[in-house]
Amino acid sequence: MGLPNNANGALTIDPATGVISGMYDAFGNQVFNVTVAAHPTGSRLSIAKSFVLSIRDDG
């Protein structure tokens, strides 16, 4: 799964810094399961980390 990207808005991750940014119009609390994977150039190894991203509308 990935960062939310639909009619409510979109979030992106900067591959150089790992910073998540963007605009998303949440309705109440919304939860997204996100997995970030890295594959170093020239390596057969990779790493992945999963986390829960919660977006809350404080209205």
PDB file of N, CA and C in Angstrom:
ATOM      1  N   MET A   1       0.851  -1.173   0.000  1.00  0.00           N
ATOM      2  CA  MET A   1       0.000   0.000   0.000  1.00  0.00           C
ATOM      3  C   MET A   1       0.895   1.234   0.000  1.00  0.00           C
ATOM      4  N   GLY A   2       0.283   2.348  -0.216  1.00  0.00           N
ATOM      5  CA  GLY A   2       1.097   3.550  -0.277  1.00  0.00           C
ATOM      6  C   GLY A   2       0.417   4.751   0.338  1.00  0.00           C
ATOM      7  N   LEU A   3       0.991   5.888   0.079  1.00  0.00           N
ATOM      8  CA  LEU A   3       0.451   7.135   0.607  1.00  0.00           C
ATOM      9  C   LEU A   3      -0.860   7.464  -0.099  1.00  0.00           C
ATOM     10  N   PRO A   4      -1.782   8.140   0.604  1.00  0.00           N
ATOM     11  CA  PRO A   4      -3.062   8.473  -0.019  1.00  0.00           C
ATOM     12  C   PRO A   4      -2.880   9.388  -1.228  1.00  0.00           C
ATOM     13  N   ASN A   5      -3.616   9.056  -2.275  1.00  0.00           N
ATOM     14  CA  ASN A   5      -3.579   9.821  -3.518  1.00  0.00           C
ATOM     15  C   ASN A   5      -4.912   9.579  -4.222  1.00  0.00           C
ATOM     16  N   ASN A   6      -5.882  10.446  -3.952  1.00  0.00           N
ATOM     17  CA  ASN A   6      -7.196  10.272  -4.554  1.00  0.00           C
ATOM     18  C   ASN A   6      -7.881  11.640  -4.652  1.00  0.00           C
ATOM     19  N   ALA A   7      -9.193  11.641  -4.784  1.00  0.00           N
ATOM     20  CA  ALA A   7      -9.929  12.899  -4.950  1.00  0.00           C
ATOM     21  C   ALA A   7      -9.798  13.821  -3.738  1.00  0.00           C
ATOM     22  N   ASN A   8      -9.408  13.273  -2.566  1.00  0.00           N
ATOM     23  CA  ASN A   8      -9.263  14.091  -1.363  1.00  0.00           C
ATOM     24  C   ASN A   8      -7.914  14.793  -1.294  1.00  0.00           C
ATOM     25  N   GLY A   9      -6.997  14.456  -2.183  1.00  0.00           N
ATOM     26  CA  GLY A   9      -5.675  15.066  -2.184  1.00  0.00           C
ATOM     27  C   GLY A   9      -4.602  14.020  -2.365  1.00  0.00           C
ATOM     28  N   ALA A  10      -3.365  14.426  -2.163  1.00  0.00           N
ATOM     29  CA  ALA A  10      -2.258  13.498  -2.372  1.00  0.00           C
ATOM     30  C   ALA A  10      -1.097  13.833  -1.438  1.00  0.00           C
ATOM     31  N   LEU A  11      -0.447  12.793  -0.968  1.00  0.00           N
ATOM     32  CA  LEU A  11       0.782  12.926  -0.205  1.00  0.00           C
ATOM     33  C   LEU A  11       1.883  12.232  -0.983  1.00  0.00           C
ATOM     34  N   THR A  12       3.074  12.778  -0.928  1.00  0.00           N
ATOM     35  CA  THR A  12       4.216  12.181  -1.616  1.00  0.00           C
ATOM     36  C   THR A  12       5.380  12.078  -0.641  1.00  0.00           C
ATOM     37  N   ILE A  13       6.332  11.212  -0.971  1.00  0.00           N
ATOM     38  CA  ILE A  13       7.544  11.092  -0.170  1.00  0.00           C
ATOM     39  C   ILE A  13       8.735  11.469  -1.033  1.00  0.00           C
ATOM     40  N   ASP A  14       9.579  12.338  -0.519  1.00  0.00           N
ATOM     41  CA  ASP A  14      10.788  12.753  -1.228  1.00  0.00           C
ATOM     42  C   ASP A  14      11.815  11.639  -1.081  1.00  0.00           C
ATOM     43  N   PRO A  15      12.237  11.002  -2.172  1.00  0.00           N
ATOM     44  CA  PRO A  15      13.169   9.872  -2.070  1.00  0.00           C
ATOM     45  C   PRO A  15      14.545  10.264  -1.524  1.00  0.00           C
ATOM     46  N   ALA A  16      14.912  11.522  -1.635  1.00  0.00           N
ATOM     47  CA  ALA A  16      16.222  11.959  -1.152  1.00  0.00           C
ATOM     48  C   ALA A  16      16.228  12.223   0.351  1.00  0.00           C
ATOM     49  N   THR A  17      15.080  12.707   0.876  1.00  0.00           N
ATOM     50  CA  THR A  17      15.044  13.098   2.289  1.00  0.00           C
ATOM     51  C   THR A  17      14.119  12.242   3.147  1.00  0.00           C
ATOM     52  N   GLY A  18      13.154  11.577   2.509  1.00  0.00           N
ATOM     53  CA  GLY A  18      12.167  10.804   3.256  1.00  0.00           C
ATOM     54  C   GLY A  18      11.039  11.641   3.817  1.00  0.00           C
ATOM     55  N   VAL A  19      10.998  12.926   3.482  1.00  0.00           N
ATOM     56  CA  VAL A  19       9.963  13.820   3.990  1.00  0.00           C
ATOM     57  C   VAL A  19       8.648  13.555   3.258  1.00  0.00           C
ATOM     58  N   ILE A  20       7.585  13.360   4.044  1.00  0.00           N
ATOM     59  CA  ILE A  20       6.239  13.193   3.493  1.00  0.00           C
ATOM     60  C   ILE A  20       5.574  14.561   3.492  1.00  0.00           C
ATOM     61  N   SER A  21       5.010  14.955   2.342  1.00  0.00           N
ATOM     62  CA  SER A  21       4.370  16.270   2.248  1.00  0.00           C
ATOM     63  C   SER A  21       3.190  16.206   1.291  1.00  0.00           C
ATOM     64  N   GLY A  22       2.394  17.252   1.298  1.00  0.00           N
ATOM     65  CA  GLY A  22       1.252  17.355   0.409  1.00  0.00           C
ATOM     66  C   GLY A  22       0.029  17.828   1.163  1.00  0.00           C
ATOM     67  N   MET A  23      -1.101  17.802   0.490  1.00  0.00           N
ATOM     68  CA  MET A  23      -2.369  18.228   1.072  1.00  0.00           C
ATOM     69  C   MET A  23      -3.351  17.073   0.967  1.00  0.00           C
ATOM     70  N   TYR A  24      -4.103  16.846   2.052  1.00  0.00           N
ATOM     71  CA  TYR A  24      -5.120  15.795   2.049  1.00  0.00           C
ATOM     72  C   TYR A  24      -6.275  16.271   2.903  1.00  0.00           C
ATOM     73  N   ASP A  25      -7.491  16.224   2.376  1.00  0.00           N
ATOM     74  CA  ASP A  25      -8.683  16.665   3.093  1.00  0.00           C
ATOM     75  C   ASP A  25      -9.315  15.470   3.788  1.00  0.00           C
ATOM     76  N   ALA A  26      -8.967  15.269   5.048  1.00  0.00           N
ATOM     77  CA  ALA A  26      -9.471  14.133   5.817  1.00  0.00           C
ATOM     78  C   ALA A  26     -10.867  14.432   6.343  1.00  0.00           C
ATOM     79  N   PHE A  27     -11.675  13.413   6.423  1.00  0.00           N
ATOM     80  CA  PHE A  27     -13.004  13.504   7.015  1.00  0.00           C
ATOM     81  C   PHE A  27     -12.982  12.652   8.271  1.00  0.00           C
ATOM     82  N   GLY A  28     -12.933  13.302   9.434  1.00  0.00           N
ATOM     83  CA  GLY A  28     -12.783  12.558  10.680  1.00  0.00           C
ATOM     84  C   GLY A  28     -11.360  12.042  10.768  1.00  0.00           C
ATOM     85  N   ASN A  29     -11.198  10.822  11.226  1.00  0.00           N
ATOM     86  CA  ASN A  29      -9.885  10.176  11.262  1.00  0.00           C
ATOM     87  C   ASN A  29      -9.788   9.184  10.122  1.00  0.00           C
ATOM     88  N   GLN A  30      -8.693   9.210   9.395  1.00  0.00           N
ATOM     89  CA  GLN A  30      -8.458   8.242   8.344  1.00  0.00           C
ATOM     90  C   GLN A  30      -7.098   7.610   8.583  1.00  0.00           C
ATOM     91  N   VAL A  31      -7.026   6.306   8.393  1.00  0.00           N
ATOM     92  CA  VAL A  31      -5.807   5.549   8.653  1.00  0.00           C
ATOM     93  C   VAL A  31      -5.357   4.865   7.362  1.00  0.00           C
ATOM     94  N   PHE A  32      -4.064   4.945   7.085  1.00  0.00           N
ATOM     95  CA  PHE A  32      -3.484   4.336   5.887  1.00  0.00           C
ATOM     96  C   PHE A  32      -2.309   3.460   6.302  1.00  0.00           C
ATOM     97  N   ASN A  33      -2.261   2.245   5.799  1.00  0.00           N
ATOM     98  CA  ASN A  33      -1.105   1.372   5.998  1.00  0.00           C
ATOM     99  C   ASN A  33      -0.111   1.670   4.886  1.00  0.00           C
ATOM    100  N   VAL A  34       1.105   2.040   5.260  1.00  0.00           N
ATOM    101  CA  VAL A  34       2.122   2.460   4.294  1.00  0.00           C
ATOM    102  C   VAL A  34       3.353   1.579   4.444  1.00  0.00           C
ATOM    103  N   THR A  35       3.913   1.150   3.330  1.00  0.00           N
ATOM    104  CA  THR A  35       5.179   0.425   3.334  1.00  0.00           C
ATOM    105  C   THR A  35       6.170   1.181   2.467  1.00  0.00           C
ATOM    106  N   VAL A  36       7.312   1.482   3.033  1.00  0.00           N
ATOM    107  CA  VAL A  36       8.388   2.165   2.310  1.00  0.00           C
ATOM    108  C   VAL A  36       9.496   1.143   2.089  1.00  0.00           C
ATOM    109  N   ALA A  37       9.947   1.012   0.848  1.00  0.00           N
ATOM    110  CA  ALA A  37      11.009   0.066   0.516  1.00  0.00           C
ATOM    111  C   ALA A  37      12.170   0.794  -0.147  1.00  0.00           C
ATOM    112  N   ALA A  38      13.377   0.359   0.163  1.00  0.00           N
ATOM    113  CA  ALA A  38      14.579   0.939  -0.447  1.00  0.00           C
ATOM    114  C   ALA A  38      15.391  -0.177  -1.080  1.00  0.00           C
ATOM    115  N   HIS A  39      15.834   0.072  -2.293  1.00  0.00           N
ATOM    116  CA  HIS A  39      16.660  -0.870  -3.049  1.00  0.00           C
ATOM    117  C   HIS A  39      17.923  -0.144  -3.509  1.00  0.00           C
ATOM    118  N   PRO A  40      19.035  -0.273  -2.780  1.00  0.00           N
ATOM    119  CA  PRO A  40      20.256   0.428  -3.159  1.00  0.00           C
ATOM    120  C   PRO A  40      20.743   0.018  -4.556  1.00  0.00           C
ATOM    121  N   THR A  41      21.206   0.992  -5.308  1.00  0.00           N
ATOM    122  CA  THR A  41      21.740   0.734  -6.642  1.00  0.00           C
ATOM    123  C   THR A  41      22.914  -0.235  -6.558  1.00  0.00           C
ATOM    124  N   GLY A  42      22.892  -1.250  -7.404  1.00  0.00           N
ATOM    125  CA  GLY A  42      23.993  -2.210  -7.463  1.00  0.00           C
ATOM    126  C   GLY A  42      23.949  -3.282  -6.387  1.00  0.00           C
ATOM    127  N   SER A  43      22.894  -3.332  -5.609  1.00  0.00           N
ATOM    128  CA  SER A  43      22.791  -4.314  -4.529  1.00  0.00           C
ATOM    129  C   SER A  43      21.603  -5.233  -4.763  1.00  0.00           C
ATOM    130  N   ARG A  44      21.756  -6.478  -4.333  1.00  0.00           N
ATOM    131  CA  ARG A  44      20.630  -7.400  -4.396  1.00  0.00           C
ATOM    132  C   ARG A  44      19.785  -7.310  -3.128  1.00  0.00           C
ATOM    133  N   LEU A  45      20.247  -6.565  -2.156  1.00  0.00           N
ATOM    134  CA  LEU A  45      19.555  -6.436  -0.886  1.00  0.00           C
ATOM    135  C   LEU A  45      18.575  -5.276  -0.918  1.00  0.00           C
ATOM    136  N   SER A  46      17.571  -5.354  -0.083  1.00  0.00           N
ATOM    137  CA  SER A  46      16.627  -4.250   0.062  1.00  0.00           C
ATOM    138  C   SER A  46      16.125  -4.252   1.498  1.00  0.00           C
ATOM    139  N   ILE A  47      15.457  -3.183   1.862  1.00  0.00           N
ATOM    140  CA  ILE A  47      14.880  -3.056   3.191  1.00  0.00           C
ATOM    141  C   ILE A  47      13.496  -2.447   3.031  1.00  0.00           C
ATOM    142  N   ALA A  48      12.589  -2.853   3.891  1.00  0.00           N
ATOM    143  CA  ALA A  48      11.231  -2.309   3.861  1.00  0.00           C
ATOM    144  C   ALA A  48      10.771  -2.059   5.289  1.00  0.00           C
ATOM    145  N   LYS A  49       9.989  -1.016   5.457  1.00  0.00           N
ATOM    146  CA  LYS A  49       9.430  -0.665   6.764  1.00  0.00           C
ATOM    147  C   LYS A  49       7.967  -0.306   6.576  1.00  0.00           C
ATOM    148  N   SER A  50       7.110  -0.919   7.361  1.00  0.00           N
ATOM    149  CA  SER A  50       5.683  -0.621   7.308  1.00  0.00           C
ATOM    150  C   SER A  50       5.292   0.213   8.517  1.00  0.00           C
ATOM    151  N   PHE A  51       4.358   1.134   8.312  1.00  0.00           N
ATOM    152  CA  PHE A  51       3.867   1.946   9.421  1.00  0.00           C
ATOM    153  C   PHE A  51       2.433   2.369   9.122  1.00  0.00           C
ATOM    154  N   VAL A  52       1.766   2.867  10.138  1.00  0.00           N
ATOM    155  CA  VAL A  52       0.399   3.363  10.002  1.00  0.00           C
ATOM    156  C   VAL A  52       0.450   4.883  10.005  1.00  0.00           C
ATOM    157  N   LEU A  53      -0.140   5.487   8.984  1.00  0.00           N
ATOM    158  CA  LEU A  53      -0.239   6.939   8.880  1.00  0.00           C
ATOM    159  C   LEU A  53      -1.676   7.322   9.205  1.00  0.00           C
ATOM    160  N   SER A  54      -1.867   8.139  10.206  1.00  0.00           N
ATOM    161  CA  SER A  54      -3.193   8.572  10.616  1.00  0.00           C
ATOM    162  C   SER A  54      -3.344  10.061  10.302  1.00  0.00           C
ATOM    163  N   ILE A  55      -4.415  10.396   9.610  1.00  0.00           N
ATOM    164  CA  ILE A  55      -4.704  11.784   9.263  1.00  0.00           C
ATOM    165  C   ILE A  55      -5.998  12.177   9.952  1.00  0.00           C
ATOM    166  N   ARG A  56      -5.953  13.272  10.697  1.00  0.00           N
ATOM    167  CA  ARG A  56      -7.109  13.693  11.478  1.00  0.00           C
ATOM    168  C   ARG A  56      -7.574  15.073  11.049  1.00  0.00           C
ATOM    169  N   ASP A  57      -8.878  15.231  10.929  1.00  0.00           N
ATOM    170  CA  ASP A  57      -9.476  16.529  10.621  1.00  0.00           C
ATOM    171  C   ASP A  57      -9.801  17.222  11.929  1.00  0.00           C
ATOM    172  N   ASP A  58      -9.043  18.262  12.269  1.00  0.00           N
ATOM    173  CA  ASP A  58      -9.283  18.999  13.504  1.00  0.00           C
ATOM    174  C   ASP A  58     -10.300  20.124  13.307  1.00  0.00           C
ATOM    175  N   GLY A  59     -10.798  20.224  12.057  1.00  0.00           N
ATOM    176  CA  GLY A  59     -11.845  21.160  11.703  1.00  0.00           C
ATOM    177  C   GLY A  59     -11.711  22.499  12.242  1.00  0.00           C
TER     178      GLY A  59
END
